Amino acid sequence: MSYRTALTVRPISAADHLAFVRAQRSVSFLQTPAWARVKTEWRGESLGWYDGPRLVGAGLVLHRPVPRLDRYTLAYLPEGPVIDWTGDITAWLDPLAAHLKAHGAFAVRLGPPVRTDTWSAGQVKEGLADPAVTRLTGLSAQWTDPVGARVTRALRDAGWLPQSPADGFGVGHPQFKYEIPLTGRTEDDLLRGMNQLWRRNIKKAAREDVQVTVGTDLKAFHDLYVHTAGRDRFTPRPLPYFTTMFAALTAEDPERISLYQAHHQGDLVAAAVLVRVGAHAWYAYGASATEKREVRGSNACQWAMIRDALAAGCDVYDLRGITPTLDTGDPHAGLIQFKAGTGGRAVRYVGEWDLPLRPMLYRAFDLYMKRR
């Protein structure tokens, strides 16, 4: 896309930012103005790209100060910004870098919401069954996006540094995700796309009379989430994080975030958090009881969220991060195996990239992060 004049970048109000988000088909919830109120350890700023008087792009920037050098910040745009990634990206990113450097940023980090490769559930299943295949990237992609390849090449040529680690998980957001396309599909289509185990578990939950409701009991969810963290060995977020998240996102849009709770005979057996912006729905957090796992509350929660996303007219149900491993000896393989059972597709995105604006400070920050 070409413009009459060079694009300019300047701060915009949260109201203007939200209006821009609402005009888009799909925007990451990490690029909504409300997300700045969730990430309390960062300073949030909404920026807009202007073609003359017209707002043509927007981004949420989260600023993190350098330890002991508070006037300099890492400027982070998670899963953003919301710009036209199909054209000359330097026309968008050069004025962004100039603006942020002038206002004290020592580096910019961003994660373009642009896919590079897609693999079907069938390919994932075959890869898991083949000992010779250990990674998704060892399989030929079912579909490769030329835009993703072009963006990757343009970022590298412009001096941006890739930050996504080989295992897919790092300090930022994952490069590999699992998604279920919803456009043009019915509930029956979605069920047919799932594997036999998923269909059987959904039916089992229905036979056991597992009741899934949309509720507000964050304390009950958090207790179950902490239990899950202990069992599955991850560090849980504190309850205030979730109360802040629900308050901020709900204030922005009453339908932005929902808590799904599965009960069996009065017992909470599973819970999950769904976030929706426009036509994109995300499974953000989940929790499950160790007792009564046989009633399949987690499958019931997922199926309720998928059905509601479909009914809301969403294009995609996003199960979030996976690692690219297909090595069944790797403990992370269970995650992609579980998600592939829903049908859908594994997707690789462009990943996160850094542009050092003050190289000495950037090197010091990089060293600090590696020592943490």
Protein backbone atom coordinates (compact mmCIF):
# COMPACT_ATOMS: atom_id res chain seq x y z
CA MET A 1 0.00 0.00 0.00
CA SER A 2 1.40 3.43 -0.89
CA TYR A 3 0.67 6.72 0.82
CA ARG A 4 0.47 10.30 -0.34
CA THR A 5 2.99 11.41 2.28
CA ALA A 6 5.54 9.81 4.55
CA LEU A 7 3.86 8.18 7.53
CA THR A 8 4.24 9.88 10.90
CA VAL A 9 4.01 8.31 14.35
CA ARG A 10 2.66 10.08 17.43
CA PRO A 11 0.84 9.25 20.69
CA ILE A 12 -2.91 8.73 20.50
CA SER A 13 -5.57 8.54 23.20
CA ALA A 14 -6.81 5.21 24.50
CA ALA A 15 -10.23 6.11 23.03
CA ASP A 16 -8.81 6.65 19.54
CA HIS A 17 -6.74 3.47 19.87
CA LEU A 18 -9.79 1.45 20.90
CA ALA A 19 -11.86 2.89 18.02
CA PHE A 20 -9.14 1.77 15.62
CA VAL A 21 -9.05 -1.73 17.16
CA ARG A 22 -12.84 -2.03 16.86
CA ALA A 23 -12.63 -1.22 13.15
CA GLN A 24 -10.34 -4.22 12.49
CA ARG A 25 -11.37 -7.82 11.84
CA SER A 26 -8.71 -9.20 14.16
CA VAL A 27 -6.29 -7.67 16.66
CA SER A 28 -4.35 -9.42 19.41
CA PHE A 29 -5.70 -8.71 22.89
CA LEU A 30 -2.07 -7.82 23.73
CA GLN A 31 -2.50 -4.82 21.41
CA THR A 32 -5.61 -3.38 23.06
CA PRO A 33 -5.35 -0.25 25.24
CA ALA A 34 -6.67 -2.26 28.21
CA TRP A 35 -3.63 -4.54 28.18
CA ALA A 36 -1.49 -1.63 29.40
CA ARG A 37 -3.55 -1.62 32.61
CA VAL A 38 -2.93 -5.35 33.06
CA LYS A 39 0.87 -5.13 32.71
CA THR A 40 1.39 -2.95 35.77
CA GLU A 41 5.17 -3.46 35.82
CA TRP A 42 5.42 -1.74 32.41
CA ARG A 43 4.41 1.78 31.33
CA GLY A 44 1.89 1.65 28.50
CA GLU A 45 1.60 4.04 25.58
CA SER A 46 -0.73 4.05 22.56
CA LEU A 47 0.89 5.16 19.30
CA GLY A 48 -0.75 5.91 15.97
CA TRP A 49 0.53 5.98 12.38
CA TYR A 50 -0.83 8.86 10.32
CA ASP A 51 -1.04 9.35 6.58
CA GLY A 52 -1.64 13.08 6.66
CA PRO A 53 -4.64 13.52 8.99
CA ARG A 54 -5.79 9.88 8.67
CA LEU A 55 -5.04 7.26 11.34
CA VAL A 56 -3.90 4.16 9.41
CA GLY A 57 -2.17 2.05 12.08
CA ALA A 58 -1.92 1.68 15.85
CA GLY A 59 0.17 -0.06 18.46
CA LEU A 60 0.36 -0.56 22.20
CA VAL A 61 3.92 0.01 23.40
CA LEU A 62 4.96 -1.33 26.80
CA HIS A 63 8.01 0.45 28.21
CA ARG A 64 10.34 -1.29 30.66
CA PRO A 65 13.17 0.76 32.23
CA VAL A 66 16.79 -0.38 32.27
CA PRO A 67 17.87 -1.29 35.84
CA ARG A 68 19.55 1.77 37.40
CA LEU A 69 19.00 3.77 34.19
CA ASP A 70 15.30 4.63 34.47
CA ARG A 71 15.33 7.24 31.72
CA TYR A 72 15.94 4.55 29.07
CA THR A 73 13.43 1.85 28.20
CA LEU A 74 12.90 -1.28 26.17
CA ALA A 75 9.87 -0.48 23.99
CA TYR A 76 7.85 -3.66 23.46
CA LEU A 77 4.91 -4.20 21.09
CA PRO A 78 3.67 -7.75 21.84
CA GLU A 79 1.95 -9.35 18.82
CA GLY A 80 1.94 -5.99 17.11
CA PRO A 81 1.77 -3.34 15.89
CA VAL A 82 -1.49 -3.27 13.92
CA ILE A 83 -0.25 -2.04 10.56
CA ASP A 84 -0.30 -3.18 6.94
CA TRP A 85 2.39 -5.88 6.92
CA THR A 86 1.88 -6.70 3.22
CA GLY A 87 3.74 -3.70 1.81
CA ASP A 88 7.00 -1.85 2.49
CA ILE A 89 7.40 -2.38 6.23
CA THR A 90 10.29 0.10 6.50
CA ALA A 91 7.77 2.87 5.75
CA TRP A 92 6.00 1.82 8.97
CA LEU A 93 8.87 0.78 11.22
CA ASP A 94 11.39 3.56 10.50
CA PRO A 95 9.16 6.35 11.89
CA LEU A 96 8.29 4.08 14.87
CA ALA A 97 11.98 3.58 15.69
CA ALA A 98 12.73 7.29 15.27
CA HIS A 99 9.86 8.30 17.58
CA LEU A 100 10.78 5.77 20.27
CA LYS A 101 14.50 6.63 20.20
CA ALA A 102 13.67 10.33 20.56
CA HIS A 103 11.65 9.47 23.66
CA GLY A 104 14.27 7.40 25.44
CA ALA A 105 14.00 3.85 24.09
CA PHE A 106 17.29 1.95 23.84
CA ALA A 107 15.65 -0.84 21.76
CA VAL A 108 12.36 -1.79 20.14
CA ARG A 109 10.95 -5.30 20.40
CA LEU A 110 7.94 -6.37 18.35
CA GLY A 111 6.14 -9.53 17.28
CA PRO A 112 4.49 -9.16 13.87
CA PRO A 113 1.06 -10.89 13.77
CA VAL A 114 2.12 -12.53 10.51
CA ARG A 115 2.16 -16.27 9.78
CA THR A 116 4.99 -17.96 7.89
CA ASP A 117 4.01 -21.67 7.81
CA THR A 118 1.06 -23.92 8.62
CA TRP A 119 0.89 -27.69 9.28
CA SER A 120 -2.34 -29.71 9.44
CA ALA A 121 -3.38 -31.86 12.40
CA GLY A 122 -2.81 -34.89 10.18
CA GLN A 123 0.77 -33.86 9.51
CA VAL A 124 1.38 -33.35 13.24
CA LYS A 125 -0.03 -36.82 13.97
CA GLU A 126 2.17 -38.43 11.29
CA GLY A 127 5.23 -36.55 12.56
CA LEU A 128 4.64 -37.73 16.14
CA ALA A 129 4.41 -41.32 14.88
CA ASP A 130 7.63 -41.09 12.83
CA PRO A 131 10.84 -41.49 14.92
CA ALA A 132 12.82 -39.84 12.11
CA VAL A 133 10.88 -36.57 12.55
CA THR A 134 11.68 -34.61 15.70
CA ARG A 135 10.43 -31.11 14.85
CA LEU A 136 7.56 -29.48 13.01
CA THR A 137 10.09 -27.71 10.84
CA GLY A 138 11.29 -31.12 9.64
CA LEU A 139 7.95 -31.50 7.83
CA SER A 140 7.05 -29.71 4.63
CA ALA A 141 4.52 -27.04 5.50
CA GLN A 142 1.00 -27.56 4.18
CA TRP A 143 0.90 -23.84 3.43
CA THR A 144 3.60 -21.15 3.37
CA ASP A 145 2.71 -17.46 3.50
CA PRO A 146 4.80 -15.31 1.14
CA VAL A 147 4.02 -12.25 3.30
CA GLY A 148 5.67 -13.94 6.28
CA ALA A 149 8.77 -14.76 4.26
CA ARG A 150 8.93 -11.19 2.97
CA VAL A 151 8.51 -9.65 6.45
CA THR A 152 11.22 -11.93 7.88
CA ARG A 153 13.61 -10.95 5.10
CA ALA A 154 12.83 -7.23 5.44
CA LEU A 155 13.37 -7.24 9.21
CA ARG A 156 16.71 -9.00 8.88
CA ASP A 157 17.84 -6.66 6.10
CA ALA A 158 16.90 -3.62 8.23
CA GLY A 159 19.07 -4.79 11.15
CA TRP A 160 16.40 -6.32 13.39
CA LEU A 161 17.61 -9.30 15.47
CA PRO A 162 15.43 -12.45 15.87
CA GLN A 163 14.58 -13.29 19.50
CA SER A 164 12.46 -16.44 19.23
CA PRO A 165 14.32 -19.42 20.76
CA ALA A 166 14.63 -22.80 19.05
CA ASP A 167 12.19 -24.49 21.45
CA GLY A 168 9.47 -21.93 20.70
CA PHE A 169 9.21 -20.56 24.26
CA GLY A 170 11.26 -17.67 25.59
CA VAL A 171 10.83 -14.53 27.65
CA GLY A 172 8.30 -13.17 25.15
CA HIS A 173 5.34 -14.70 23.35
CA PRO A 174 5.55 -18.03 21.49
CA GLN A 175 6.37 -18.19 17.80
CA PHE A 176 4.51 -21.49 17.31
CA LYS A 177 0.79 -21.70 18.09
CA TYR A 178 -2.13 -24.03 17.57
CA GLU A 179 -5.33 -22.70 15.97
CA ILE A 180 -8.72 -24.04 14.92
CA PRO A 181 -10.18 -22.29 11.83
CA LEU A 182 -13.90 -21.57 12.31
CA THR A 183 -14.88 -19.68 9.15
CA GLY A 184 -17.61 -21.45 7.18
CA ARG A 185 -17.76 -24.42 9.59
CA THR A 186 -20.54 -25.88 11.72
CA GLU A 187 -20.37 -27.59 15.11
CA ASP A 188 -20.66 -30.94 13.33
CA ASP A 189 -17.74 -30.00 11.06
CA LEU A 190 -15.62 -29.13 14.09
CA LEU A 191 -16.47 -32.39 15.86
CA ARG A 192 -15.63 -34.39 12.74
CA GLY A 193 -12.27 -32.63 12.58
CA MET A 194 -11.35 -33.77 16.10
CA ASN A 195 -9.69 -37.09 16.78
CA GLN A 196 -11.57 -40.01 18.29
CA LEU A 197 -10.24 -39.38 21.81
CA TRP A 198 -11.43 -35.76 21.86
CA ARG A 199 -14.90 -36.71 20.57
CA ARG A 200 -15.12 -39.53 23.11
CA ASN A 201 -14.10 -37.22 25.97
CA ILE A 202 -16.67 -34.57 25.00
CA LYS A 203 -19.38 -37.26 24.93
CA LYS A 204 -18.14 -38.65 28.26
CA ALA A 205 -18.46 -35.23 29.91
CA ALA A 206 -22.01 -34.93 28.58
CA ARG A 207 -22.93 -38.42 29.87
CA GLU A 208 -21.48 -37.57 33.28
CA ASP A 209 -23.64 -34.42 33.30
CA VAL A 210 -20.70 -32.03 33.56
CA GLN A 211 -22.21 -28.53 33.59
CA VAL A 212 -20.23 -25.70 32.00
CA THR A 213 -21.25 -22.16 32.95
CA VAL A 214 -19.77 -18.70 32.43
CA GLY A 215 -19.10 -17.34 35.90
CA THR A 216 -17.26 -14.73 37.95
CA ASP A 217 -15.71 -16.71 40.82
CA LEU A 218 -12.07 -15.85 40.21
CA LYS A 219 -11.02 -17.09 43.65
CA ALA A 220 -12.33 -20.60 42.90
CA PHE A 221 -10.63 -20.51 39.50
CA HIS A 222 -7.36 -19.36 41.04
CA ASP A 223 -7.38 -22.06 43.72
CA LEU A 224 -7.78 -24.68 41.00
CA TYR A 225 -5.14 -22.98 38.84
CA VAL A 226 -2.61 -23.04 41.72
CA HIS A 227 -3.40 -26.74 42.23
CA THR A 228 -2.78 -27.31 38.49
CA ALA A 229 0.51 -25.40 38.64
CA GLY A 230 1.73 -27.60 41.48
CA ARG A 231 0.81 -30.77 39.61
CA ASP A 232 2.16 -29.69 36.23
CA ARG A 233 5.19 -27.84 37.62
CA PHE A 234 4.79 -24.30 36.38
CA THR A 235 4.83 -21.00 38.30
CA PRO A 236 1.29 -19.64 38.76
CA ARG A 237 0.36 -15.99 38.50
CA PRO A 238 -1.08 -14.42 41.68
CA LEU A 239 -4.81 -13.82 42.09
CA PRO A 240 -4.49 -9.98 41.81
CA TYR A 241 -3.13 -10.45 38.27
CA PHE A 242 -6.38 -12.12 37.23
CA THR A 243 -8.63 -9.66 39.07
CA THR A 244 -6.79 -6.80 37.32
CA MET A 245 -6.98 -8.57 33.96
CA PHE A 246 -10.72 -9.19 34.21
CA ALA A 247 -11.45 -5.65 35.47
CA ALA A 248 -9.38 -3.96 32.74
CA LEU A 249 -10.58 -6.06 29.80
CA THR A 250 -14.22 -6.03 30.92
CA ALA A 251 -14.16 -2.25 31.31
CA GLU A 252 -12.95 -1.98 27.70
CA ASP A 253 -15.60 -4.39 26.37
CA PRO A 254 -18.08 -6.43 28.46
CA GLU A 255 -17.58 -9.42 26.10
CA ARG A 256 -13.78 -9.21 25.98
CA ILE A 257 -13.04 -11.86 28.63
CA SER A 258 -15.02 -14.75 30.14
CA LEU A 259 -14.44 -17.37 32.82
CA TYR A 260 -15.77 -20.85 32.00
CA GLN A 261 -16.28 -23.26 34.88
CA ALA A 262 -17.09 -26.99 34.64
CA HIS A 263 -18.86 -28.56 37.63
CA HIS A 264 -19.64 -32.19 38.34
CA GLN A 265 -22.10 -32.87 41.14
CA GLY A 266 -21.27 -29.48 42.65
CA ASP A 267 -17.48 -29.89 42.42
CA LEU A 268 -15.39 -27.55 40.27
CA VAL A 269 -13.45 -29.94 38.01
CA ALA A 270 -12.08 -27.55 35.38
CA ALA A 271 -11.99 -23.86 34.47
CA ALA A 272 -10.67 -21.80 31.59
CA VAL A 273 -10.36 -18.17 30.50
CA LEU A 274 -11.53 -17.09 27.03
CA VAL A 275 -10.54 -13.74 25.51
CA ARG A 276 -12.10 -12.35 22.34
CA VAL A 277 -11.26 -9.33 20.18
CA GLY A 278 -13.29 -8.97 17.01
CA ALA A 279 -13.21 -12.28 15.11
CA HIS A 280 -10.36 -13.87 17.08
CA ALA A 281 -10.89 -15.93 20.27
CA TRP A 282 -8.12 -17.16 22.56
CA TYR A 283 -7.92 -19.87 25.20
CA ALA A 284 -5.78 -17.86 27.60
CA TYR A 285 -5.57 -19.88 30.85
CA GLY A 286 -6.81 -23.25 32.07
CA ALA A 287 -7.03 -25.27 35.27
CA SER A 288 -8.22 -28.77 36.16
CA ALA A 289 -8.72 -30.91 39.25
CA THR A 290 -6.65 -34.05 39.68
CA GLU A 291 -9.64 -35.86 41.18
CA LYS A 292 -12.52 -36.62 38.83
CA ARG A 293 -10.34 -36.27 35.74
CA GLU A 294 -12.35 -39.14 34.29
CA VAL A 295 -15.42 -36.89 33.87
CA ARG A 296 -13.43 -34.84 31.32
CA GLY A 297 -14.22 -31.35 32.57
CA SER A 298 -11.36 -29.79 30.59
CA ASN A 299 -12.72 -31.16 27.30
CA ALA A 300 -16.18 -29.89 28.23
CA CYS A 301 -14.79 -26.40 28.90
CA GLN A 302 -12.90 -26.34 25.62
CA TRP A 303 -15.91 -27.50 23.62
CA ALA A 304 -18.12 -24.85 25.24
CA MET A 305 -15.59 -22.13 24.39
CA ILE A 306 -15.17 -23.35 20.81
CA ARG A 307 -18.94 -23.42 20.30
CA ASP A 308 -19.35 -19.93 21.76
CA ALA A 309 -16.53 -18.56 19.58
CA LEU A 310 -18.23 -20.08 16.54
CA ALA A 311 -21.61 -18.62 17.55
CA ALA A 312 -19.98 -15.19 18.00
CA GLY A 313 -18.83 -15.26 14.37
CA CYS A 314 -15.12 -15.73 15.09
CA ASP A 315 -12.73 -16.75 12.32
CA VAL A 316 -10.37 -18.64 14.60
CA TYR A 317 -10.14 -20.29 18.01
CA ASP A 318 -6.58 -19.86 19.24
CA LEU A 319 -5.12 -22.43 21.64
CA ARG A 320 -1.98 -20.31 22.02
CA GLY A 321 1.55 -21.59 22.34
CA ILE A 322 3.14 -24.89 21.46
CA THR A 323 6.76 -25.93 21.03
CA PRO A 324 7.82 -27.26 17.61
CA THR A 325 9.01 -30.59 19.02
CA LEU A 326 7.55 -33.83 17.64
CA ASP A 327 9.94 -35.99 19.66
CA THR A 328 7.70 -38.14 21.86
CA GLY A 329 10.56 -38.40 24.37
CA ASP A 330 10.36 -34.63 24.93
CA PRO A 331 7.91 -33.67 27.73
CA HIS A 332 6.68 -30.75 25.58
CA ALA A 333 5.39 -33.15 22.91
CA GLY A 334 2.30 -33.87 25.01
CA LEU A 335 1.16 -30.26 24.57
CA ILE A 336 1.07 -30.36 20.77
CA GLN A 337 -0.41 -33.88 20.89
CA PHE A 338 -3.28 -32.65 23.10
CA LYS A 339 -3.97 -29.58 20.96
CA ALA A 340 -3.69 -31.47 17.64
CA GLY A 341 -6.53 -33.69 18.84
CA THR A 342 -8.87 -30.73 18.28
CA GLY A 343 -8.20 -30.82 14.52
CA GLY A 344 -6.99 -27.41 13.48
CA ARG A 345 -3.45 -26.53 12.51
CA ALA A 346 -0.02 -25.75 13.90
CA VAL A 347 1.19 -22.32 12.86
CA ARG A 348 4.57 -20.62 12.88
CA TYR A 349 4.63 -16.84 13.07
CA VAL A 350 7.44 -14.45 12.16
CA GLY A 351 8.41 -14.38 15.85
CA GLU A 352 9.77 -11.56 17.99
CA TRP A 353 12.54 -9.21 16.80
CA ASP A 354 14.69 -6.52 18.46
CA LEU A 355 16.06 -3.35 16.93
CA PRO A 356 18.89 -1.90 19.08
CA LEU A 357 18.66 1.90 19.09
CA ARG A 358 21.48 2.47 21.61
CA PRO A 359 23.78 -0.54 21.07
CA MET A 360 25.84 -0.25 24.29
CA LEU A 361 22.73 -0.08 26.47
CA TYR A 362 21.15 -2.90 24.50
CA ARG A 363 24.18 -5.15 25.07
CA ALA A 364 24.14 -4.35 28.80
CA PHE A 365 20.42 -5.15 28.99
CA ASP A 366 20.90 -8.38 27.04
CA LEU A 367 23.65 -9.44 29.46
CA TYR A 368 21.47 -8.56 32.46
CA MET A 369 18.58 -10.66 31.11
CA LYS A 370 20.84 -13.66 30.45
CA ARG A 371 22.15 -13.54 34.03
CA ARG A 372 18.67 -13.46 35.60
